[in-house]
C-alpha cells in the first residue's frame, strides 16, 4: 500500500513538473489561451445566469457585476458595425501571426504586451463572430462597463509602449533576406 501511494505521488509530481515545463517553454501560448479562456468562461457564466441590464452589487456603490451587450467598440463607439469589427480583427490576427515570430526571444516584455493585446482582441472577436456584440460585465460605476479581454488589451498596449520606449533597443528592425 505504501509503495502504491509513493508511486501515485511520484506520478502527480511528474505531471506537475510537465505542466511547469510546458508553461515555462511555451509561456506565450499558455498566456494567450489563458486570457481567452478566462474571458470566455466568465462571459458564459454571466450570460447563463443574468439578463442584459441586470446588475449585482459586489461592493455597494463601488463595484458591480453588470451584464451589458456592447454592439460597438470601446465605450460603444461605432455601434452595429459587425462586419467592420470582424474585418479589423481578422487583419489584426493576421498581422500578429506574421510579426510575432520576428520578435527576438529576449524581448519577453514586448512579447507579453503583444500577447495580452492580441488575446484580448481575439476574445472580443469571438463574441462579435458569435452574436455581433461583446459581453461586458465589470462595472466600477465611474467608468463604462468592460470585460477581461478589455483589461488584457489595455495592459498589452501599455506594456508594449513601455517596452518600445524604455526596454527594447531595436524594435521594428526586421532582418531582410538577401537574394
N, C-alpha and C. Protein backbone atom coordinates (compact mmCIF):
# COMPACT_ATOMS: atom_id res chain seq x y z
N UNK A 1 0.83 -1.19 0.00
CA UNK A 1 0.00 0.00 0.00
C UNK A 1 0.87 1.26 0.00
N UNK A 2 1.92 1.25 0.81
CA UNK A 2 2.82 2.40 0.91
C UNK A 2 3.51 2.66 -0.43
N UNK A 3 3.90 1.58 -1.15
CA UNK A 3 4.55 1.74 -2.45
C UNK A 3 3.59 2.33 -3.48
N UNK A 4 2.31 1.95 -3.41
CA UNK A 4 1.31 2.50 -4.33
C UNK A 4 1.12 3.99 -4.10
N UNK A 5 1.09 4.39 -2.84
CA UNK A 5 0.94 5.82 -2.52
C UNK A 5 2.15 6.60 -3.00
N UNK A 6 3.34 6.08 -2.77
CA UNK A 6 4.57 6.75 -3.22
C UNK A 6 4.59 6.82 -4.74
N UNK A 7 4.22 5.75 -5.41
CA UNK A 7 4.18 5.73 -6.86
C UNK A 7 3.16 6.75 -7.38
N UNK A 8 2.00 6.82 -6.74
CA UNK A 8 0.97 7.78 -7.11
C UNK A 8 1.47 9.21 -6.94
N UNK A 9 2.12 9.50 -5.82
CA UNK A 9 2.65 10.84 -5.58
C UNK A 9 3.74 11.20 -6.58
N UNK A 10 4.57 10.23 -6.95
CA UNK A 10 5.61 10.47 -7.96
C UNK A 10 4.97 10.81 -9.30
N UNK A 11 3.91 10.10 -9.65
CA UNK A 11 3.22 10.38 -10.91
C UNK A 11 2.61 11.79 -10.90
N UNK A 12 2.02 12.17 -9.79
CA UNK A 12 1.47 13.53 -9.66
C UNK A 12 2.58 14.56 -9.81
N UNK A 13 3.70 14.31 -9.18
CA UNK A 13 4.85 15.22 -9.27
C UNK A 13 5.35 15.33 -10.70
N UNK A 14 5.38 14.22 -11.43
CA UNK A 14 5.81 14.25 -12.83
C UNK A 14 4.84 15.07 -13.68
N UNK A 15 3.54 14.94 -13.43
CA UNK A 15 2.55 15.71 -14.17
C UNK A 15 2.71 17.20 -13.87
N UNK A 16 2.87 17.54 -12.60
CA UNK A 16 3.08 18.95 -12.22
C UNK A 16 4.35 19.49 -12.86
N UNK A 17 5.41 18.70 -12.85
CA UNK A 17 6.67 19.11 -13.48
C UNK A 17 6.47 19.33 -14.98
N UNK A 18 5.73 18.45 -15.63
CA UNK A 18 5.46 18.60 -17.06
C UNK A 18 4.66 19.88 -17.33
N UNK A 19 3.67 20.15 -16.49
CA UNK A 19 2.87 21.37 -16.65
C UNK A 19 3.75 22.61 -16.52
N UNK A 20 4.62 22.63 -15.51
CA UNK A 20 5.51 23.78 -15.33
C UNK A 20 6.49 23.91 -16.49
N UNK A 21 6.98 22.79 -17.01
CA UNK A 21 7.90 22.82 -18.15
C UNK A 21 7.21 23.41 -19.37
N UNK A 22 5.99 22.92 -19.66
CA UNK A 22 5.24 23.43 -20.81
C UNK A 22 4.95 24.91 -20.62
N UNK A 23 4.54 25.30 -19.40
CA UNK A 23 4.24 26.71 -19.14
C UNK A 23 5.49 27.57 -19.28
N UNK A 24 6.66 27.05 -18.89
CA UNK A 24 7.90 27.81 -18.99
C UNK A 24 8.35 27.93 -20.45
N UNK A 25 8.35 26.83 -21.15
CA UNK A 25 8.83 26.82 -22.53
C UNK A 25 7.84 27.51 -23.46
N UNK A 26 6.56 27.28 -23.23
CA UNK A 26 5.53 27.83 -24.10
C UNK A 26 4.66 28.84 -23.35
N UNK A 27 5.30 29.69 -22.54
CA UNK A 27 4.56 30.64 -21.71
C UNK A 27 3.67 31.54 -22.56
N UNK A 28 4.11 31.86 -23.77
CA UNK A 28 3.33 32.74 -24.61
C UNK A 28 2.01 32.10 -25.04
N UNK A 29 2.07 30.83 -25.40
CA UNK A 29 0.84 30.13 -25.79
C UNK A 29 -0.07 29.93 -24.60
N UNK A 30 0.51 29.62 -23.44
CA UNK A 30 -0.28 29.44 -22.22
C UNK A 30 -0.97 30.76 -21.85
N UNK A 31 -0.25 31.87 -21.93
CA UNK A 31 -0.83 33.18 -21.62
C UNK A 31 -1.97 33.51 -22.60
N UNK A 32 -1.72 33.29 -23.87
CA UNK A 32 -2.73 33.58 -24.90
C UNK A 32 -4.01 32.80 -24.63
N UNK A 33 -3.88 31.50 -24.43
CA UNK A 33 -5.06 30.66 -24.20
C UNK A 33 -5.72 30.95 -22.85
N UNK A 34 -4.93 31.30 -21.84
CA UNK A 34 -5.48 31.59 -20.51
C UNK A 34 -6.35 32.84 -20.52
N UNK A 35 -5.87 33.89 -21.18
CA UNK A 35 -6.66 35.12 -21.25
C UNK A 35 -7.97 34.88 -21.99
N UNK A 36 -7.89 34.21 -23.12
CA UNK A 36 -9.12 33.92 -23.88
C UNK A 36 -10.04 33.02 -23.07
N UNK A 37 -9.47 31.98 -22.46
CA UNK A 37 -10.27 31.04 -21.68
C UNK A 37 -10.96 31.70 -20.50
N UNK A 38 -10.23 32.51 -19.73
CA UNK A 38 -10.84 33.20 -18.58
C UNK A 38 -11.95 34.14 -19.03
N UNK A 39 -11.66 34.91 -20.07
CA UNK A 39 -12.65 35.86 -20.57
C UNK A 39 -13.91 35.14 -21.02
N UNK A 40 -13.76 34.11 -21.83
CA UNK A 40 -14.92 33.39 -22.35
C UNK A 40 -15.67 32.64 -21.24
N UNK A 41 -14.95 32.12 -20.26
CA UNK A 41 -15.58 31.42 -19.14
C UNK A 41 -16.49 32.37 -18.36
N UNK A 42 -15.96 33.54 -17.99
CA UNK A 42 -16.76 34.48 -17.21
C UNK A 42 -17.92 35.05 -18.02
N UNK A 43 -17.70 35.30 -19.31
CA UNK A 43 -18.79 35.77 -20.15
C UNK A 43 -19.90 34.72 -20.23
N UNK A 44 -19.54 33.46 -20.37
CA UNK A 44 -20.54 32.39 -20.43
C UNK A 44 -21.32 32.31 -19.12
N UNK A 45 -20.61 32.45 -17.98
CA UNK A 45 -21.28 32.42 -16.68
C UNK A 45 -22.27 33.57 -16.56
N UNK A 46 -21.86 34.76 -16.97
CA UNK A 46 -22.72 35.94 -16.90
C UNK A 46 -23.95 35.74 -17.79
N UNK A 47 -23.72 35.29 -19.03
CA UNK A 47 -24.83 35.13 -19.97
C UNK A 47 -25.81 34.05 -19.53
N UNK A 48 -25.33 33.03 -18.83
CA UNK A 48 -26.22 31.94 -18.43
C UNK A 48 -26.96 32.23 -17.12
N UNK A 49 -26.48 33.20 -16.35
CA UNK A 49 -27.11 33.42 -15.05
C UNK A 49 -27.73 34.81 -14.87
N UNK A 50 -27.58 35.68 -15.86
CA UNK A 50 -28.12 37.03 -15.74
C UNK A 50 -28.86 37.41 -17.03
N UNK A 51 -29.63 38.46 -16.97
CA UNK A 51 -30.27 39.01 -18.16
C UNK A 51 -29.61 40.36 -18.47
N UNK A 52 -29.53 40.73 -19.75
CA UNK A 52 -28.91 42.02 -20.08
C UNK A 52 -29.53 43.17 -19.28
N UNK A 53 -28.66 44.00 -18.74
CA UNK A 53 -29.09 45.13 -17.92
C UNK A 53 -29.10 44.83 -16.44
N UNK A 54 -29.08 43.55 -16.08
CA UNK A 54 -29.09 43.18 -14.66
C UNK A 54 -27.75 43.54 -14.03
N UNK A 55 -27.80 44.00 -12.79
CA UNK A 55 -26.60 44.40 -12.07
C UNK A 55 -26.63 43.83 -10.66
N UNK A 56 -25.52 43.23 -10.26
CA UNK A 56 -25.40 42.65 -8.93
C UNK A 56 -24.31 43.40 -8.18
N UNK A 57 -24.66 44.07 -7.08
CA UNK A 57 -23.62 44.78 -6.32
C UNK A 57 -22.69 43.79 -5.61
N UNK A 58 -21.41 43.98 -5.79
CA UNK A 58 -20.41 43.19 -5.08
C UNK A 58 -19.90 44.01 -3.90
N UNK A 59 -19.54 45.27 -4.18
CA UNK A 59 -19.20 46.25 -3.15
C UNK A 59 -20.09 47.46 -3.45
N UNK A 60 -21.09 47.65 -2.63
CA UNK A 60 -22.12 48.66 -2.88
C UNK A 60 -21.53 50.01 -3.27
N UNK A 61 -22.09 50.60 -4.33
CA UNK A 61 -21.69 51.91 -4.85
C UNK A 61 -20.25 51.97 -5.33
N UNK A 62 -19.57 50.82 -5.46
CA UNK A 62 -18.20 50.83 -5.96
C UNK A 62 -18.00 49.82 -7.08
N UNK A 63 -18.34 48.56 -6.84
CA UNK A 63 -18.10 47.51 -7.82
C UNK A 63 -19.34 46.63 -7.96
N UNK A 64 -19.80 46.49 -9.21
CA UNK A 64 -20.96 45.67 -9.53
C UNK A 64 -20.61 44.74 -10.68
N UNK A 65 -21.31 43.63 -10.76
CA UNK A 65 -21.30 42.79 -11.95
C UNK A 65 -22.55 43.19 -12.71
N UNK A 66 -22.36 43.80 -13.86
CA UNK A 66 -23.47 44.31 -14.66
C UNK A 66 -23.37 43.72 -16.06
N UNK A 67 -24.42 43.04 -16.48
CA UNK A 67 -24.44 42.38 -17.79
C UNK A 67 -24.87 43.39 -18.85
N UNK A 68 -23.92 43.72 -19.75
CA UNK A 68 -24.16 44.68 -20.82
C UNK A 68 -23.73 44.05 -22.13
N UNK A 69 -24.54 44.22 -23.16
CA UNK A 69 -24.17 43.79 -24.51
C UNK A 69 -23.76 45.03 -25.30
N UNK A 70 -22.52 45.07 -25.73
CA UNK A 70 -21.97 46.22 -26.42
C UNK A 70 -21.89 45.92 -27.92
N UNK A 71 -22.69 46.60 -28.75
CA UNK A 71 -22.65 46.36 -30.19
C UNK A 71 -21.55 47.16 -30.90
N UNK A 72 -20.79 47.96 -30.13
CA UNK A 72 -19.76 48.81 -30.73
C UNK A 72 -18.38 48.47 -30.21
N UNK A 73 -17.49 49.44 -30.39
CA UNK A 73 -16.12 49.30 -29.89
C UNK A 73 -16.07 49.87 -28.48
N UNK A 74 -14.89 50.28 -28.05
CA UNK A 74 -14.73 50.86 -26.71
C UNK A 74 -15.73 51.99 -26.50
N UNK A 75 -16.36 51.98 -25.32
CA UNK A 75 -17.34 52.99 -24.93
C UNK A 75 -18.55 53.01 -25.88
N UNK A 76 -18.75 51.94 -26.64
CA UNK A 76 -19.91 51.85 -27.52
C UNK A 76 -19.80 52.63 -28.82
N UNK A 77 -18.60 53.11 -29.16
CA UNK A 77 -18.48 53.87 -30.41
C UNK A 77 -18.64 52.92 -31.61
N UNK A 78 -19.08 53.45 -32.70
CA UNK A 78 -19.35 52.71 -33.94
C UNK A 78 -20.27 51.51 -33.70
N UNK A 79 -21.46 51.75 -33.14
CA UNK A 79 -22.36 50.62 -32.86
C UNK A 79 -22.82 49.91 -34.13
N UNK A 80 -23.06 48.61 -33.99
CA UNK A 80 -23.62 47.77 -35.05
C UNK A 80 -22.79 47.73 -36.33
N UNK A 81 -21.50 47.75 -36.19
CA UNK A 81 -20.58 47.65 -37.33
C UNK A 81 -19.87 46.29 -37.31
N UNK A 82 -20.64 45.24 -37.19
CA UNK A 82 -20.12 43.88 -37.02
C UNK A 82 -19.10 43.50 -38.10
N UNK A 83 -19.44 43.69 -39.35
CA UNK A 83 -18.54 43.30 -40.44
C UNK A 83 -17.22 44.07 -40.34
N UNK A 84 -17.29 45.35 -40.06
CA UNK A 84 -16.10 46.18 -39.92
C UNK A 84 -15.20 45.63 -38.80
N UNK A 85 -15.80 45.34 -37.63
CA UNK A 85 -15.01 44.84 -36.50
C UNK A 85 -14.44 43.45 -36.77
N UNK A 86 -15.20 42.61 -37.45
CA UNK A 86 -14.69 41.28 -37.80
C UNK A 86 -13.51 41.39 -38.77
N UNK A 87 -13.63 42.30 -39.73
CA UNK A 87 -12.55 42.50 -40.71
C UNK A 87 -11.29 43.05 -40.03
N UNK A 88 -11.46 44.06 -39.19
CA UNK A 88 -10.32 44.63 -38.46
C UNK A 88 -9.68 43.57 -37.55
N UNK A 89 -10.50 42.78 -36.87
CA UNK A 89 -9.99 41.71 -36.01
C UNK A 89 -9.21 40.68 -36.78
N UNK A 90 -9.71 40.29 -37.94
CA UNK A 90 -9.00 39.31 -38.78
C UNK A 90 -7.67 39.87 -39.27
N UNK A 91 -7.67 41.14 -39.65
CA UNK A 91 -6.42 41.78 -40.09
C UNK A 91 -5.41 41.82 -38.93
N UNK A 92 -5.88 42.21 -37.74
CA UNK A 92 -5.01 42.26 -36.57
C UNK A 92 -4.40 40.89 -36.28
N UNK A 93 -5.23 39.84 -36.32
CA UNK A 93 -4.71 38.49 -36.08
C UNK A 93 -3.70 38.07 -37.14
N UNK A 94 -3.98 38.42 -38.39
CA UNK A 94 -3.04 38.11 -39.47
C UNK A 94 -1.71 38.81 -39.28
N UNK A 95 -1.76 40.10 -38.94
CA UNK A 95 -0.52 40.85 -38.70
C UNK A 95 0.24 40.30 -37.50
N UNK A 96 -0.49 39.95 -36.45
CA UNK A 96 0.16 39.37 -35.26
C UNK A 96 0.83 38.05 -35.60
N UNK A 97 0.16 37.21 -36.36
CA UNK A 97 0.73 35.92 -36.75
C UNK A 97 1.97 36.11 -37.62
N UNK A 98 1.98 37.15 -38.44
CA UNK A 98 3.14 37.42 -39.30
C UNK A 98 4.32 37.99 -38.51
N UNK A 99 4.06 38.99 -37.65
CA UNK A 99 5.14 39.69 -36.99
C UNK A 99 5.63 39.03 -35.70
N UNK A 100 4.79 38.30 -35.00
CA UNK A 100 5.18 37.72 -33.71
C UNK A 100 6.45 36.86 -33.80
N UNK A 101 6.57 35.97 -34.78
CA UNK A 101 7.79 35.15 -34.85
C UNK A 101 9.06 35.97 -35.12
N UNK A 102 8.90 37.19 -35.60
CA UNK A 102 10.07 38.03 -35.89
C UNK A 102 10.62 38.73 -34.65
N UNK A 103 9.87 38.71 -33.55
CA UNK A 103 10.38 39.29 -32.31
C UNK A 103 11.47 38.40 -31.76
N UNK A 104 12.50 39.02 -31.22
CA UNK A 104 13.60 38.25 -30.63
C UNK A 104 13.13 37.53 -29.38
N UNK A 105 13.71 36.38 -29.12
CA UNK A 105 13.35 35.61 -27.93
C UNK A 105 13.63 36.38 -26.65
N UNK A 106 14.59 37.29 -26.68
CA UNK A 106 14.94 38.05 -25.48
C UNK A 106 13.97 39.19 -25.19
N UNK A 107 13.10 39.51 -26.13
CA UNK A 107 12.17 40.62 -25.95
C UNK A 107 10.88 40.14 -25.29
N UNK A 108 11.01 39.51 -24.12
CA UNK A 108 9.86 38.91 -23.46
C UNK A 108 8.82 39.94 -23.03
N UNK A 109 9.25 41.11 -22.62
CA UNK A 109 8.27 42.11 -22.18
C UNK A 109 7.44 42.60 -23.37
N UNK A 110 8.08 42.75 -24.51
CA UNK A 110 7.35 43.15 -25.72
C UNK A 110 6.41 42.03 -26.15
N UNK A 111 6.88 40.80 -26.07
CA UNK A 111 6.04 39.65 -26.40
C UNK A 111 4.85 39.56 -25.46
N UNK A 112 5.08 39.79 -24.17
CA UNK A 112 3.99 39.76 -23.19
C UNK A 112 2.91 40.77 -23.57
N UNK A 113 3.34 41.98 -23.90
CA UNK A 113 2.38 43.02 -24.29
C UNK A 113 1.62 42.65 -25.55
N UNK A 114 2.34 42.13 -26.53
CA UNK A 114 1.69 41.74 -27.79
C UNK A 114 0.68 40.62 -27.57
N UNK A 115 1.06 39.64 -26.76
CA UNK A 115 0.16 38.52 -26.50
C UNK A 115 -1.07 38.99 -25.74
N UNK A 116 -0.89 39.85 -24.75
CA UNK A 116 -2.03 40.36 -24.00
C UNK A 116 -2.99 41.11 -24.92
N UNK A 117 -2.46 41.98 -25.74
CA UNK A 117 -3.29 42.76 -26.64
C UNK A 117 -4.02 41.86 -27.62
N UNK A 118 -3.31 40.95 -28.26
CA UNK A 118 -3.92 40.10 -29.29
C UNK A 118 -4.90 39.10 -28.68
N UNK A 119 -4.61 38.57 -27.50
CA UNK A 119 -5.54 37.62 -26.90
C UNK A 119 -6.83 38.32 -26.47
N UNK A 120 -6.72 39.54 -25.96
CA UNK A 120 -7.92 40.31 -25.62
C UNK A 120 -8.75 40.62 -26.86
N UNK A 121 -8.07 41.03 -27.92
CA UNK A 121 -8.78 41.32 -29.17
C UNK A 121 -9.43 40.05 -29.72
N UNK A 122 -8.75 38.93 -29.60
CA UNK A 122 -9.30 37.66 -30.08
C UNK A 122 -10.53 37.26 -29.28
N UNK A 123 -10.47 37.43 -27.96
CA UNK A 123 -11.62 37.07 -27.11
C UNK A 123 -12.84 37.91 -27.48
N UNK A 124 -12.65 39.20 -27.70
CA UNK A 124 -13.78 40.04 -28.11
C UNK A 124 -14.22 39.72 -29.54
N UNK A 125 -13.29 39.32 -30.39
CA UNK A 125 -13.62 38.92 -31.75
C UNK A 125 -14.50 37.67 -31.74
N UNK A 126 -14.25 36.77 -30.82
CA UNK A 126 -15.09 35.57 -30.69
C UNK A 126 -16.53 35.98 -30.40
N UNK A 127 -16.70 36.94 -29.48
CA UNK A 127 -18.06 37.44 -29.17
C UNK A 127 -18.72 38.02 -30.41
N UNK A 128 -17.98 38.86 -31.12
CA UNK A 128 -18.55 39.52 -32.30
C UNK A 128 -18.94 38.50 -33.37
N UNK A 129 -18.10 37.47 -33.54
CA UNK A 129 -18.41 36.45 -34.54
C UNK A 129 -19.65 35.66 -34.14
N UNK A 130 -19.83 35.41 -32.85
CA UNK A 130 -20.97 34.62 -32.39
C UNK A 130 -22.27 35.41 -32.40
N UNK A 131 -22.24 36.64 -31.90
CA UNK A 131 -23.50 37.36 -31.74
C UNK A 131 -23.51 38.79 -32.29
N UNK A 132 -22.37 39.27 -32.73
CA UNK A 132 -22.31 40.65 -33.22
C UNK A 132 -22.14 41.67 -32.11
N UNK A 133 -22.07 41.21 -30.86
CA UNK A 133 -21.93 42.09 -29.71
C UNK A 133 -20.90 41.51 -28.75
N UNK A 134 -20.32 42.39 -27.94
CA UNK A 134 -19.36 41.97 -26.93
C UNK A 134 -20.05 42.01 -25.56
N UNK A 135 -19.86 40.95 -24.79
CA UNK A 135 -20.43 40.89 -23.45
C UNK A 135 -19.48 41.59 -22.48
N UNK A 136 -19.99 42.61 -21.79
CA UNK A 136 -19.24 43.33 -20.76
C UNK A 136 -19.91 43.09 -19.42
N UNK A 137 -19.11 43.11 -18.34
CA UNK A 137 -19.71 42.81 -17.03
C UNK A 137 -18.98 43.43 -15.85
N UNK A 138 -17.81 43.97 -16.00
CA UNK A 138 -17.07 44.57 -14.88
C UNK A 138 -17.48 46.04 -14.79
N UNK A 139 -18.06 46.41 -13.67
CA UNK A 139 -18.67 47.74 -13.55
C UNK A 139 -18.21 48.42 -12.26
N UNK A 140 -17.36 49.44 -12.40
CA UNK A 140 -16.90 50.21 -11.24
C UNK A 140 -17.71 51.49 -11.03
N UNK A 141 -18.76 51.66 -11.80
CA UNK A 141 -19.69 52.76 -11.62
C UNK A 141 -19.14 54.15 -11.98
N UNK A 142 -17.88 54.28 -12.24
CA UNK A 142 -17.31 55.57 -12.65
C UNK A 142 -16.72 55.48 -14.06
N UNK A 143 -16.90 54.34 -14.67
CA UNK A 143 -16.30 54.04 -15.97
C UNK A 143 -17.27 53.15 -16.72
N UNK A 144 -17.29 53.18 -18.04
CA UNK A 144 -18.18 52.25 -18.75
C UNK A 144 -17.86 50.79 -18.40
N UNK A 145 -18.85 49.95 -18.48
CA UNK A 145 -18.71 48.52 -18.16
C UNK A 145 -17.75 47.89 -19.18
N UNK A 146 -16.89 46.98 -18.71
CA UNK A 146 -15.89 46.35 -19.57
C UNK A 146 -15.76 44.88 -19.20
N UNK A 147 -14.79 44.19 -19.82
CA UNK A 147 -14.60 42.76 -19.57
C UNK A 147 -13.11 42.42 -19.43
N UNK A 148 -12.82 41.17 -19.22
CA UNK A 148 -11.43 40.72 -19.03
C UNK A 148 -10.60 40.96 -20.29
N UNK A 149 -11.19 40.73 -21.45
CA UNK A 149 -10.48 40.96 -22.71
C UNK A 149 -10.06 42.42 -22.85
N UNK A 150 -10.94 43.33 -22.44
CA UNK A 150 -10.62 44.76 -22.50
C UNK A 150 -9.43 45.08 -21.59
N UNK A 151 -9.40 44.47 -20.42
CA UNK A 151 -8.28 44.67 -19.49
C UNK A 151 -6.98 44.18 -20.15
N UNK A 152 -7.03 43.01 -20.78
CA UNK A 152 -5.84 42.46 -21.45
C UNK A 152 -5.36 43.38 -22.57
N UNK A 153 -6.30 43.95 -23.32
CA UNK A 153 -5.93 44.87 -24.40
C UNK A 153 -5.22 46.10 -23.84
N UNK A 154 -5.77 46.70 -22.80
CA UNK A 154 -5.18 47.90 -22.21
C UNK A 154 -3.80 47.59 -21.61
N UNK A 155 -3.71 46.50 -20.87
CA UNK A 155 -2.41 46.11 -20.30
C UNK A 155 -1.41 45.86 -21.42
N UNK A 156 -1.84 45.16 -22.45
CA UNK A 156 -0.95 44.89 -23.58
C UNK A 156 -0.45 46.15 -24.24
N UNK A 157 -1.34 47.12 -24.45
CA UNK A 157 -0.93 48.39 -25.07
C UNK A 157 0.10 49.11 -24.21
N UNK A 158 -0.18 49.22 -22.91
CA UNK A 158 0.75 49.94 -22.04
C UNK A 158 2.10 49.23 -21.92
N UNK A 159 2.08 47.92 -21.84
CA UNK A 159 3.34 47.17 -21.75
C UNK A 159 4.14 47.32 -23.04
N UNK A 160 3.47 47.26 -24.18
CA UNK A 160 4.18 47.43 -25.45
C UNK A 160 4.76 48.83 -25.57
N UNK A 161 4.00 49.84 -25.19
CA UNK A 161 4.52 51.21 -25.24
C UNK A 161 5.73 51.34 -24.33
N UNK A 162 5.63 50.81 -23.12
CA UNK A 162 6.75 50.84 -22.18
C UNK A 162 7.96 50.12 -22.77
N UNK A 163 7.74 48.93 -23.33
CA UNK A 163 8.84 48.15 -23.89
C UNK A 163 9.50 48.89 -25.04
N UNK A 164 8.70 49.48 -25.89
CA UNK A 164 9.24 50.19 -27.05
C UNK A 164 10.02 51.43 -26.62
N UNK A 165 9.50 52.15 -25.65
CA UNK A 165 10.15 53.39 -25.22
C UNK A 165 11.37 53.17 -24.33
N UNK A 166 11.33 52.14 -23.47
CA UNK A 166 12.37 52.03 -22.45
C UNK A 166 13.18 50.73 -22.45
N UNK A 167 12.68 49.67 -23.04
CA UNK A 167 13.35 48.38 -22.88
C UNK A 167 13.97 47.80 -24.13
N UNK A 168 13.30 47.90 -25.25
CA UNK A 168 13.76 47.22 -26.45
C UNK A 168 14.58 48.19 -27.28
N UNK A 169 15.80 47.77 -27.61
CA UNK A 169 16.71 48.67 -28.31
C UNK A 169 16.45 48.76 -29.81
N UNK A 170 16.10 47.66 -30.42
CA UNK A 170 15.98 47.67 -31.87
C UNK A 170 14.59 47.21 -32.32
N UNK A 171 13.55 47.77 -31.75
CA UNK A 171 12.20 47.40 -32.15
C UNK A 171 11.98 47.85 -33.58
N UNK A 172 11.35 47.01 -34.33
CA UNK A 172 11.00 47.38 -35.69
C UNK A 172 12.04 47.02 -36.72
N UNK A 173 13.25 46.71 -36.30
CA UNK A 173 14.26 46.32 -37.27
C UNK A 173 14.07 44.85 -37.59
N UNK A 174 13.66 44.60 -38.79
CA UNK A 174 13.44 43.23 -39.25
C UNK A 174 14.55 42.92 -40.23
N UNK A 175 15.20 41.80 -39.97
CA UNK A 175 16.30 41.42 -40.84
C UNK A 175 15.78 41.10 -42.23
N UNK A 176 16.39 41.72 -43.20
CA UNK A 176 15.96 41.44 -44.57
C UNK A 176 16.77 40.26 -45.12
N UNK A 177 16.16 39.56 -46.01
CA UNK A 177 16.81 38.40 -46.61
C UNK A 177 17.39 38.84 -47.94
N UNK A 178 18.70 38.63 -48.10
CA UNK A 178 19.34 38.98 -49.37
C UNK A 178 19.11 37.87 -50.39
N UNK A 179 18.86 38.28 -51.58
CA UNK A 179 18.61 37.28 -52.64
C UNK A 179 19.85 37.07 -53.44
